Amino acid sequence: MSRSKFLCIMFLLSLFTTLHLGAQALNATMSGTIHDKTGAVIPGARVTVTNVDTNIAQTVSASPGGEYNVLNLAPAHYRLDVEAPGFAHYVQTGITLDVGQKANQEVALELGASSSTVSVVADTNAVEATDATLSDVVTGSQIRNLPLNSRNPYALIALTPGFSGTVGNNYNSISYSINGSRQGYTDVLVDGIPGGFPTVNGNSGVGVFPSVDAINQFRVLGQNYPAEFGRSLGGILNTAFKSGTNAFHGTLFEFARNSSLDANDYFSKMNGKALPTFQRNQFGGVLNGPILHDKLFFLVSAELLRQSSAISTTTTVPTLLQRQGDFSQTFTSTGALVKIYNPFTTRANPTGGYMRDAFANNKIPTSQLSKVGQTVMNYYPLPNVTGNTLTGANNYFATTTEDNRIDGWDVRLDYTLPHNQTIFGRYSDRFFDDTPQPFFPAAISKAENRIEQRDWMRNFVVDYTIAPSSHLLYDVRLGFARALYDYLNAGLGF
């Protein structure tokens, strides 16, 4: 074999991940043993697992040892049917499979005619008998029913054991650890593809923030997760979007908050300022359903935020006397005068080192005031509160607003092909804009060193899966994540 052919084959093999027993980053598996009431195994039993929302079914035959294994099951609700000659038809409903779950379900058939049916309503065994991964699932119902400020589903990571840290709603604001690992050693997967990459400050960069109504569930993997999960030493957040079903489902929402009924905050009241206006409007909708029944499904999601929130600052600016070079009333916190020395009198000290003469009366003569210093002084606002009675510190207080805008939308398509083949694709787009208004008067606001943040985030994934047998799965997944993160100084060019 030529070297070029060998490299070509190795490249093709690298595209396909052969997963035994259905170990896969996103979808679930169901396995177990078919036996009778005495415990004797039943080989060749026909096992069918059906997604009750999409009517998509997979059928396998039990092995000579009575074992069955069904791969590539999307997180959803399922029905299990088992049929064997001489035994009653077994039907189990109420099964819910989670992201990446390896469910174990033993089935005991009863003797009887195949026309008779034994119905069971029960979920699968929650004990992971084939997987040592330590993990915890936050379900879609929890995400939708628990209170979430700003509707950020990742905030519910705090419900999982071992969590420590903070979760924000911007690309670089998710900084947490699992079970004591270092922050920044975690990774966030969305539909099996990284949602971003680590940021320069060590946080987990995430560019995909699913709407609460569009997310299916997520699983936090804490320890002992398999080698298929790379890029992380400290934990994996594995998130899955909903897919469409055979029925149309849709939601429209708007959440509104404002300061009309809010009390004034402590610092504004202390400085005789009214409470600035706060207003938040978060609105959008989700629609999913069939394009072709039992085959092709869609999901479209949009979520937008418009928020104006009050912020305040207390800082120290030069007093009216200091602006004239008069430091006769500038004291330390102990009441000692802060002496001002003339730099042009610097000379050697007979006892070692250097010495300078203090300005008379702690005042800089007008002739020695720096023109540059006087110009710079004009870009500080005048004091507007009394400040500390001794030092004069904290003599400037101002309130303003911080404007936050988020536009996010997602589109997902799921297509089921014959012979246990599935394809899905998703595209997500998000724009984040955070613009604080100036604290300084408009004429000198450029000198304030105010920071504005704008992010443009894109993420897409395309996945093709085929299960040629009950113990073999090929999965090809291609994804892309990009974030243009602008951290802008409003005084740039000043």
Protein backbone atom coordinates (compact mmCIF):
# COMPACT_ATOMS: atom_id res chain seq x y z
CA MET A 1 0.00 0.00 0.00
CA SER A 2 1.34 3.40 -0.97
CA ARG A 3 1.96 6.02 1.68
CA SER A 4 -0.67 8.37 0.15
CA LYS A 5 -3.36 5.66 0.26
CA PHE A 6 -2.47 4.83 3.85
CA LEU A 7 -2.75 8.48 4.89
CA CYS A 8 -6.08 8.78 3.08
CA ILE A 9 -7.49 5.77 4.90
CA MET A 10 -6.26 7.07 8.27
CA PHE A 11 -7.89 10.42 7.57
CA LEU A 12 -11.23 8.81 6.75
CA LEU A 13 -11.03 6.67 9.87
CA SER A 14 -10.37 9.78 11.94
CA LEU A 15 -13.66 11.26 10.70
CA PHE A 16 -15.65 8.32 11.99
CA THR A 17 -15.85 7.48 15.65
CA THR A 18 -16.66 3.81 16.19
CA LEU A 19 -18.50 3.58 19.46
CA HIS A 20 -19.23 0.22 21.03
CA LEU A 21 -22.28 -0.13 23.26
CA GLY A 22 -23.43 3.28 22.10
CA ALA A 23 -21.07 5.52 24.04
CA GLN A 24 -21.88 8.91 22.52
CA ALA A 25 -21.53 12.47 23.69
CA LEU A 26 -25.11 13.55 23.10
CA ASN A 27 -27.66 10.77 22.54
CA ALA A 28 -28.74 7.99 24.91
CA THR A 29 -28.75 4.21 24.73
CA MET A 30 -31.03 1.54 26.20
CA SER A 31 -29.91 -1.99 26.96
CA GLY A 32 -30.90 -4.95 29.11
CA THR A 33 -31.76 -8.62 29.16
CA ILE A 34 -34.98 -10.37 28.11
CA HIS A 35 -35.95 -13.30 30.36
CA ASP A 36 -39.00 -15.14 31.66
CA LYS A 37 -40.38 -15.19 35.21
CA THR A 38 -37.89 -17.92 36.20
CA GLY A 39 -34.92 -15.88 35.01
CA ALA A 40 -34.21 -17.98 31.91
CA VAL A 41 -33.06 -15.77 29.03
CA ILE A 42 -35.14 -15.50 25.86
CA PRO A 43 -32.98 -15.27 22.71
CA GLY A 44 -34.23 -13.65 19.52
CA ALA A 45 -36.93 -11.53 21.15
CA ARG A 46 -38.01 -8.56 19.02
CA VAL A 47 -37.33 -5.27 20.86
CA THR A 48 -38.71 -1.96 19.57
CA VAL A 49 -38.02 1.43 21.13
CA THR A 50 -40.29 4.25 19.88
CA ASN A 51 -40.00 7.99 20.41
CA VAL A 52 -43.59 8.86 21.37
CA ASP A 53 -43.22 12.46 20.20
CA THR A 54 -41.91 11.75 16.68
CA ASN A 55 -43.08 8.13 16.18
CA ILE A 56 -39.54 7.20 15.12
CA ALA A 57 -38.79 3.60 16.10
CA GLN A 58 -35.73 1.35 16.26
CA THR A 59 -36.06 -2.44 16.27
CA VAL A 60 -33.39 -4.96 17.29
CA SER A 61 -33.31 -8.67 18.12
CA ALA A 62 -32.08 -10.04 21.41
CA SER A 63 -28.79 -11.95 21.26
CA PRO A 64 -28.48 -15.69 22.06
CA GLY A 65 -27.85 -14.56 25.63
CA GLY A 66 -31.12 -12.58 25.68
CA GLU A 67 -29.35 -9.23 25.60
CA TYR A 68 -30.52 -6.24 23.58
CA ASN A 69 -28.93 -2.88 22.89
CA VAL A 70 -30.55 0.14 21.17
CA LEU A 71 -28.26 3.01 20.16
CA ASN A 72 -28.60 6.64 19.07
CA LEU A 73 -31.73 7.59 21.02
CA ALA A 74 -32.33 11.33 21.24
CA PRO A 75 -33.22 12.64 24.72
CA ALA A 76 -37.01 12.26 24.74
CA HIS A 77 -39.95 10.15 25.94
CA TYR A 78 -40.11 6.52 24.76
CA ARG A 79 -42.18 3.35 24.61
CA LEU A 80 -40.61 -0.11 24.82
CA ASP A 81 -42.25 -3.08 23.04
CA VAL A 82 -40.94 -6.66 23.40
CA GLU A 83 -42.38 -9.64 21.49
CA ALA A 84 -41.37 -13.32 21.54
CA PRO A 85 -43.21 -16.52 20.42
CA GLY A 86 -45.17 -18.10 23.28
CA PHE A 87 -45.07 -14.95 25.41
CA ALA A 88 -47.47 -12.07 25.92
CA HIS A 89 -46.66 -8.78 24.20
CA TYR A 90 -44.77 -6.53 26.67
CA VAL A 91 -45.37 -2.74 26.51
CA GLN A 92 -43.65 -0.25 28.80
CA THR A 93 -44.45 3.47 28.69
CA GLY A 94 -43.34 6.45 30.79
CA ILE A 95 -39.68 6.09 29.80
CA THR A 96 -37.63 9.29 29.70
CA LEU A 97 -34.06 9.21 28.39
CA ASP A 98 -31.63 12.00 29.28
CA VAL A 99 -28.62 13.46 27.49
CA GLY A 100 -25.89 10.83 27.21
CA GLN A 101 -27.77 8.38 29.43
CA LYS A 102 -26.98 4.67 29.27
CA ALA A 103 -30.29 3.30 30.50
CA ASN A 104 -30.65 -0.26 31.72
CA GLN A 105 -34.04 -1.96 31.46
CA GLU A 106 -34.52 -5.63 32.30
CA VAL A 107 -37.69 -7.18 30.83
CA ALA A 108 -39.51 -10.21 32.28
CA LEU A 109 -41.99 -11.73 29.81
CA GLU A 110 -45.04 -13.70 30.86
CA LEU A 111 -46.24 -16.87 29.16
CA GLY A 112 -49.30 -16.31 27.01
CA ALA A 113 -50.63 -15.69 23.54
CA SER A 114 -48.90 -13.01 21.50
CA SER A 115 -52.28 -11.33 21.08
CA SER A 116 -52.40 -10.58 24.81
CA THR A 117 -50.58 -7.56 26.19
CA VAL A 118 -48.85 -6.82 29.48
CA SER A 119 -48.63 -3.04 29.99
CA VAL A 120 -46.22 -1.36 32.40
CA VAL A 121 -45.88 2.34 33.18
CA ALA A 122 -42.41 2.92 34.60
CA ASP A 123 -39.19 4.72 33.83
CA THR A 124 -35.93 2.89 33.24
CA ASN A 125 -33.51 2.01 36.00
CA ALA A 126 -31.87 5.25 37.08
CA VAL A 127 -28.72 3.43 38.26
CA GLU A 128 -25.97 3.59 35.64
CA ALA A 129 -24.87 -0.04 35.67
CA THR A 130 -22.53 0.30 32.66
CA ASP A 131 -21.00 3.73 33.24
CA ALA A 132 -18.82 5.05 36.07
CA THR A 133 -19.28 8.70 35.10
CA LEU A 134 -20.32 10.96 37.98
CA SER A 135 -22.93 13.31 36.53
CA ASP A 136 -26.19 15.10 37.19
CA VAL A 137 -29.02 16.11 34.85
CA VAL A 138 -31.05 19.33 34.87
CA THR A 139 -34.22 18.61 32.92
CA GLY A 140 -36.16 20.87 30.58
CA SER A 141 -39.08 21.06 33.02
CA GLN A 142 -36.74 22.28 35.78
CA ILE A 143 -35.28 24.88 33.44
CA ARG A 144 -38.72 26.18 32.48
CA ASN A 145 -40.34 26.05 35.93
CA LEU A 146 -37.62 27.35 38.25
CA PRO A 147 -37.16 31.13 38.56
CA LEU A 148 -34.31 32.38 36.36
CA ASN A 149 -33.22 36.00 36.46
CA SER A 150 -32.61 37.07 32.82
CA ARG A 151 -33.67 33.56 31.69
CA ASN A 152 -30.13 32.15 31.52
CA PRO A 153 -30.44 28.32 31.61
CA TYR A 154 -26.77 27.90 32.53
CA ALA A 155 -27.50 29.52 35.89
CA LEU A 156 -29.05 26.19 36.92
CA ILE A 157 -25.60 24.58 36.95
CA ALA A 158 -25.69 25.72 40.56
CA LEU A 159 -28.22 22.92 41.24
CA THR A 160 -25.61 20.23 40.57
CA PRO A 161 -23.36 18.84 43.31
CA GLY A 162 -19.81 20.18 43.42
CA PHE A 163 -20.58 23.50 41.71
CA SER A 164 -18.70 26.66 42.70
CA GLY A 165 -18.40 29.94 40.84
CA THR A 166 -20.46 32.41 38.85
CA VAL A 167 -22.52 32.24 35.67
CA GLY A 168 -23.31 35.35 33.62
CA ASN A 169 -25.03 35.90 30.29
CA ASN A 170 -22.07 37.09 28.23
CA TYR A 171 -19.42 35.20 26.27
CA ASN A 172 -16.68 35.59 28.88
CA SER A 173 -18.77 35.60 32.05
CA ILE A 174 -19.11 31.88 32.83
CA SER A 175 -16.49 31.11 35.46
CA TYR A 176 -17.12 28.05 37.59
CA SER A 177 -15.54 24.83 38.81
CA ILE A 178 -16.85 21.33 39.47
CA ASN A 179 -15.69 19.28 42.46
CA GLY A 180 -12.82 21.64 43.28
CA SER A 181 -11.20 21.76 39.85
CA ARG A 182 -9.68 25.01 38.60
CA GLN A 183 -11.98 27.52 36.96
CA GLY A 184 -11.45 27.54 33.22
CA TYR A 185 -10.77 23.80 33.09
CA THR A 186 -14.39 23.08 32.16
CA ASP A 187 -15.96 22.84 28.71
CA VAL A 188 -19.47 23.57 27.45
CA LEU A 189 -20.89 21.34 24.70
CA VAL A 190 -24.05 22.34 22.84
CA ASP A 191 -25.55 19.57 20.71
CA GLY A 192 -22.25 17.72 21.00
CA ILE A 193 -20.06 20.61 19.78
CA PRO A 194 -18.07 23.08 21.93
CA GLY A 195 -20.08 26.26 22.39
CA GLY A 196 -16.91 28.34 22.45
CA PHE A 197 -13.32 28.26 23.59
CA PRO A 198 -11.53 29.41 26.77
CA THR A 199 -11.09 33.15 27.07
CA VAL A 200 -7.87 35.02 27.80
CA ASN A 201 -8.90 35.49 31.42
CA GLY A 202 -9.43 31.76 31.94
CA ASN A 203 -13.23 31.65 31.87
CA SER A 204 -15.27 29.24 29.78
CA GLY A 205 -16.10 31.08 26.58
CA VAL A 206 -19.67 30.32 25.52
CA GLY A 207 -21.34 31.79 22.44
CA VAL A 208 -24.60 29.81 22.58
CA PHE A 209 -27.24 30.70 25.17
CA PRO A 210 -30.38 28.67 24.33
CA SER A 211 -33.75 30.14 25.15
CA VAL A 212 -35.35 28.51 28.17
CA ASP A 213 -38.19 27.28 25.96
CA ALA A 214 -35.80 25.83 23.33
CA ILE A 215 -33.52 23.76 25.53
CA ASN A 216 -34.19 20.09 26.17
CA GLN A 217 -31.89 19.48 29.12
CA PHE A 218 -28.25 19.46 30.12
CA ARG A 219 -26.02 17.06 31.98
CA VAL A 220 -23.03 18.11 34.10
CA LEU A 221 -20.24 15.51 33.98
CA GLY A 222 -18.06 15.82 37.06
CA GLN A 223 -15.67 12.86 37.10
CA ASN A 224 -14.72 9.67 35.27
CA TYR A 225 -16.25 10.71 31.97
CA PRO A 226 -14.97 8.75 28.94
CA ALA A 227 -12.18 9.77 26.59
CA GLU A 228 -14.60 10.98 23.91
CA PHE A 229 -14.91 14.16 25.97
CA GLY A 230 -11.65 15.98 25.31
CA ARG A 231 -10.60 19.60 25.93
CA SER A 232 -11.44 19.48 29.63
CA LEU A 233 -9.80 18.46 32.89
CA GLY A 234 -12.43 19.77 35.29
CA GLY A 235 -15.93 19.00 34.02
CA ILE A 236 -18.27 18.99 31.04
CA LEU A 237 -21.56 20.81 30.63
CA ASN A 238 -23.39 18.79 27.95
CA THR A 239 -26.39 20.72 26.59
CA ALA A 240 -29.03 19.63 24.08
CA PHE A 241 -31.58 21.68 22.16
CA LYS A 242 -35.11 20.41 21.65
CA SER A 243 -36.03 18.93 18.32
CA GLY A 244 -39.38 19.15 16.58
CA THR A 245 -42.14 16.57 17.03
CA ASN A 246 -45.17 15.36 15.07
CA ALA A 247 -47.27 18.05 16.74
CA PHE A 248 -46.78 21.80 16.49
CA HIS A 249 -45.77 23.51 19.73
CA GLY A 250 -45.17 27.18 20.23
CA THR A 251 -44.65 29.76 22.95
CA LEU A 252 -44.65 33.55 23.01
CA PHE A 253 -43.42 35.43 26.04
CA GLU A 254 -42.52 38.78 27.44
CA PHE A 255 -41.16 39.47 30.90
CA ALA A 256 -41.18 43.08 32.04
CA ARG A 257 -39.66 44.79 35.06
CA ASN A 258 -39.34 48.45 35.97
CA SER A 259 -38.54 50.64 38.95
CA SER A 260 -42.00 52.18 39.39
CA LEU A 261 -42.57 50.28 42.64
CA ASP A 262 -38.92 50.09 43.78
CA ALA A 263 -37.60 51.89 46.84
CA ASN A 264 -34.63 54.20 46.51
CA ASP A 265 -31.24 52.57 47.14
CA TYR A 266 -29.13 53.47 50.18
CA PHE A 267 -26.45 55.59 48.46
CA SER A 268 -28.84 57.58 46.27
CA LYS A 269 -31.01 58.38 49.27
CA MET A 270 -27.97 59.37 51.37
CA ASN A 271 -26.85 61.80 48.67
CA GLY A 272 -30.31 63.19 48.03
CA LYS A 273 -30.63 61.68 44.56
CA ALA A 274 -33.74 60.09 43.10
CA LEU A 275 -33.64 56.43 42.11
CA PRO A 276 -32.80 56.24 38.39
CA THR A 277 -35.16 54.37 36.15
CA PHE A 278 -34.75 50.62 35.73
CA GLN A 279 -36.51 48.82 32.92
CA ARG A 280 -36.15 45.34 31.47
CA ASN A 281 -38.12 43.80 28.63
CA GLN A 282 -37.27 40.24 27.63
CA PHE A 283 -39.39 38.80 24.86
CA GLY A 284 -39.42 36.20 22.10
CA GLY A 285 -40.87 32.86 21.14
CA VAL A 286 -40.22 29.26 20.13
CA LEU A 287 -41.97 27.23 17.43
CA ASN A 288 -41.30 23.59 16.61
CA GLY A 289 -43.10 20.85 14.72
CA PRO A 290 -43.10 18.62 11.65
CA ILE A 291 -42.17 19.40 8.07
CA LEU A 292 -42.71 15.75 7.05
CA HIS A 293 -44.46 13.61 9.64
CA ASP A 294 -42.25 10.90 11.18
CA LYS A 295 -39.26 12.17 9.15
CA LEU A 296 -38.34 15.86 9.11
CA PHE A 297 -38.77 18.27 12.03
CA PHE A 298 -37.83 21.88 12.77
CA LEU A 299 -37.31 24.25 15.69
CA VAL A 300 -37.04 28.06 15.50
CA SER A 301 -36.25 30.13 18.58
CA ALA A 302 -35.79 33.86 19.18
CA GLU A 303 -35.08 35.70 22.42
CA LEU A 304 -34.36 39.42 22.81
CA LEU A 305 -33.49 41.60 25.78
CA ARG A 306 -33.75 45.36 26.21
CA GLN A 307 -32.59 46.57 29.61
CA SER A 308 -31.73 49.90 31.14
CA SER A 309 -30.46 49.56 34.71
CA ALA A 310 -29.34 52.11 37.25
CA ILE A 311 -25.69 52.29 38.28
CA SER A 312 -23.99 54.75 40.60
CA THR A 313 -20.47 55.77 41.53
CA THR A 314 -18.84 57.47 44.46
CA THR A 315 -15.33 58.76 43.81
CA THR A 316 -12.88 61.51 44.76
CA VAL A 317 -12.19 64.55 42.56
CA PRO A 318 -9.97 67.61 43.21
CA THR A 319 -11.54 70.20 45.52
CA LEU A 320 -11.94 73.84 44.52
CA LEU A 321 -8.88 74.80 46.62
CA GLN A 322 -6.75 71.99 45.18
CA ARG A 323 -7.60 73.13 41.65
CA GLN A 324 -5.92 76.48 42.57
CA GLY A 325 -2.84 74.76 44.00
CA ASP A 326 -3.97 75.28 47.61
CA PHE A 327 -3.42 72.14 49.71
CA SER A 328 -3.69 73.88 53.07
CA GLN A 329 -6.92 71.95 53.75
CA THR A 330 -5.76 68.54 52.53
CA PHE A 331 -5.46 66.16 55.49
CA THR A 332 -4.88 62.45 56.03
CA SER A 333 -7.41 60.28 57.84
CA THR A 334 -5.50 60.93 61.07
CA GLY A 335 -5.81 64.70 60.65
CA ALA A 336 -2.18 65.30 59.61
CA LEU A 337 -1.53 67.85 56.87
CA VAL A 338 -0.47 66.33 53.53
CA LYS A 339 2.64 68.43 52.87
CA ILE A 340 3.44 69.53 49.32
CA TYR A 341 7.14 69.93 48.40
CA ASN A 342 8.76 71.99 45.66
CA PRO A 343 10.44 69.53 43.24
CA PHE A 344 12.78 72.28 41.96
CA THR A 345 14.49 72.54 45.37
CA THR A 346 15.72 68.93 45.33
CA ARG A 347 19.29 68.66 46.66
CA ALA A 348 21.56 66.28 48.47
CA ASN A 349 20.90 65.76 52.16
CA PRO A 350 24.06 66.08 54.30
CA THR A 351 22.89 63.10 56.33
CA GLY A 352 22.28 61.00 53.20
CA GLY A 353 19.71 60.86 50.42
CA TYR A 354 17.91 63.92 49.11
CA MET A 355 15.76 66.67 50.52
CA ARG A 356 13.25 69.29 49.27
CA ASP A 357 11.67 72.44 50.66
CA ALA A 358 7.96 72.50 51.45
CA PHE A 359 5.79 75.10 49.75
CA ALA A 360 4.95 78.01 52.00
CA ASN A 361 1.53 77.55 53.63
CA ASN A 362 1.24 74.29 51.60
CA LYS A 363 0.27 76.32 48.53
CA ILE A 364 1.78 76.12 45.05
CA PRO A 365 2.48 79.65 43.73
CA THR A 366 0.44 80.57 40.66
CA SER A 367 3.63 81.11 38.66
CA GLN A 368 4.62 77.49 39.23
CA LEU A 369 1.31 75.86 38.32
CA SER A 370 1.78 73.49 35.37
CA LYS A 371 -0.18 74.45 32.27
CA VAL A 372 -0.53 70.76 31.45
CA GLY A 373 -1.80 70.06 34.95
CA GLN A 374 -4.28 72.91 34.76
CA THR A 375 -5.61 71.57 31.43
CA VAL A 376 -5.93 68.04 32.81
CA MET A 377 -7.78 69.46 35.83
CA ASN A 378 -10.53 70.68 33.52
CA TYR A 379 -11.40 67.08 32.66
CA TYR A 380 -12.34 66.24 36.25
CA PRO A 381 -15.88 67.17 37.31
CA LEU A 382 -16.41 69.55 40.21
CA PRO A 383 -17.29 68.09 43.64
CA ASN A 384 -21.04 67.75 44.10
CA VAL A 385 -21.27 66.28 47.64
CA THR A 386 -19.52 67.15 50.90
CA GLY A 387 -17.42 64.03 51.16
CA ASN A 388 -15.41 63.02 54.20
CA THR A 389 -15.35 65.86 56.72
CA LEU A 390 -11.63 65.33 57.43
CA THR A 391 -10.07 64.20 54.14
CA GLY A 392 -12.65 65.49 51.67
CA ALA A 393 -12.57 62.10 49.92
CA ASN A 394 -15.65 60.65 48.18
CA ASN A 395 -16.82 64.10 47.22
CA TYR A 396 -18.40 63.17 43.89
CA PHE A 397 -21.53 61.05 43.48
CA ALA A 398 -23.36 60.37 40.24
CA THR A 399 -25.99 58.02 38.90
CA THR A 400 -26.61 56.92 35.36
CA THR A 401 -27.89 53.91 33.44
CA GLU A 402 -26.29 50.92 31.78
CA ASP A 403 -28.01 49.82 28.57
CA ASN A 404 -27.93 46.13 27.70
CA ARG A 405 -29.20 44.66 24.44
CA ILE A 406 -29.23 40.99 23.44
CA ASP A 407 -30.54 39.53 20.17
CA GLY A 408 -30.42 35.74 19.94
CA TRP A 409 -31.98 33.23 17.58
CA ASP A 410 -31.55 29.54 16.76
CA VAL A 411 -32.72 27.18 14.00
CA ARG A 412 -32.57 23.38 14.16
CA LEU A 413 -33.59 20.65 11.66
CA ASP A 414 -33.80 16.91 12.37
CA TYR A 415 -34.15 14.33 9.59
CA THR A 416 -34.63 10.58 10.01
CA LEU A 417 -33.47 8.29 7.18
CA PRO A 418 -34.05 4.55 6.66
CA HIS A 419 -31.72 1.94 8.15
CA ASN A 420 -31.16 3.69 11.49
CA GLN A 421 -29.71 6.88 10.02
CA THR A 422 -30.26 10.37 11.38
CA ILE A 423 -29.11 13.86 10.42
CA PHE A 424 -29.51 17.09 12.33
CA GLY A 425 -28.19 20.60 11.92
CA ARG A 426 -28.41 23.73 14.06
CA TYR A 427 -27.32 27.35 13.64
CA SER A 428 -27.22 29.89 16.49
CA ASP A 429 -26.61 33.64 16.26
CA ARG A 430 -26.29 36.05 19.19
CA PHE A 431 -25.46 39.75 19.55
CA PHE A 432 -24.61 41.24 22.96
CA ASP A 433 -24.23 44.97 23.59
CA ASP A 434 -23.45 46.48 26.99
CA THR A 435 -23.12 50.28 27.01
CA PRO A 436 -22.87 52.24 30.27
CA GLN A 437 -23.85 55.90 30.01
CA PRO A 438 -21.34 58.48 31.32
CA PHE A 439 -21.13 59.54 34.95
CA PHE A 440 -19.24 62.72 34.04
CA PRO A 441 -20.97 65.74 32.44
CA ALA A 442 -21.39 65.40 28.68
CA ALA A 443 -18.68 67.99 27.88
CA ILE A 444 -15.95 65.90 29.54
CA SER A 445 -17.45 62.41 29.28
CA LYS A 446 -14.66 61.28 26.92
CA ALA A 447 -12.22 61.56 29.82
CA GLU A 448 -14.12 59.07 31.96
CA ASN A 449 -12.42 55.88 30.68
CA ARG A 450 -15.77 54.15 30.21
CA ILE A 451 -15.79 50.58 28.82
CA GLU A 452 -18.32 49.35 26.27
CA GLN A 453 -18.67 45.66 25.32
CA ARG A 454 -20.07 44.23 22.10
CA ASP A 455 -20.01 40.58 21.11
CA TRP A 456 -21.05 38.84 17.90
CA MET A 457 -21.35 35.07 18.46
CA ARG A 458 -21.94 32.32 15.89
CA ASN A 459 -22.23 28.56 16.32
CA PHE A 460 -23.37 25.74 14.06
CA VAL A 461 -23.30 21.94 14.11
CA VAL A 462 -24.12 19.26 11.52
CA ASP A 463 -24.33 15.63 12.60
CA TYR A 464 -24.79 12.36 10.68
CA THR A 465 -25.28 9.08 12.57
CA ILE A 466 -25.78 5.50 11.41
CA ALA A 467 -26.12 2.37 13.53
CA PRO A 468 -25.47 -0.62 11.24
CA SER A 469 -25.89 -3.04 14.15
CA SER A 470 -26.96 -3.02 17.78
CA HIS A 471 -23.32 -2.82 18.89
CA LEU A 472 -21.83 -0.45 16.35
CA LEU A 473 -22.39 3.25 15.78
CA TYR A 474 -20.76 5.67 13.35
CA ASP A 475 -21.08 9.35 14.12
CA VAL A 476 -19.71 12.22 12.03
CA ARG A 477 -20.10 15.65 13.58
CA LEU A 478 -18.84 18.98 12.29
CA GLY A 479 -19.11 22.17 14.28
CA PHE A 480 -17.98 25.78 14.26
CA ALA A 481 -17.86 28.37 17.03
CA ARG A 482 -16.73 31.98 16.67
CA ALA A 483 -17.00 35.07 18.84
CA LEU A 484 -15.97 38.59 17.89
CA TYR A 485 -15.47 40.20 21.29
CA ASP A 486 -15.06 44.00 21.29
CA TYR A 487 -13.87 45.54 24.56
CA LEU A 488 -14.00 49.24 23.73
CA ASN A 489 -12.73 52.22 25.68
CA ALA A 490 -15.20 55.04 25.05
CA GLY A 491 -12.30 57.49 25.42
CA LEU A 492 -10.27 55.93 22.61
CA GLY A 493 -8.59 58.75 20.67
CA PHE A 494 -9.09 61.31 23.45
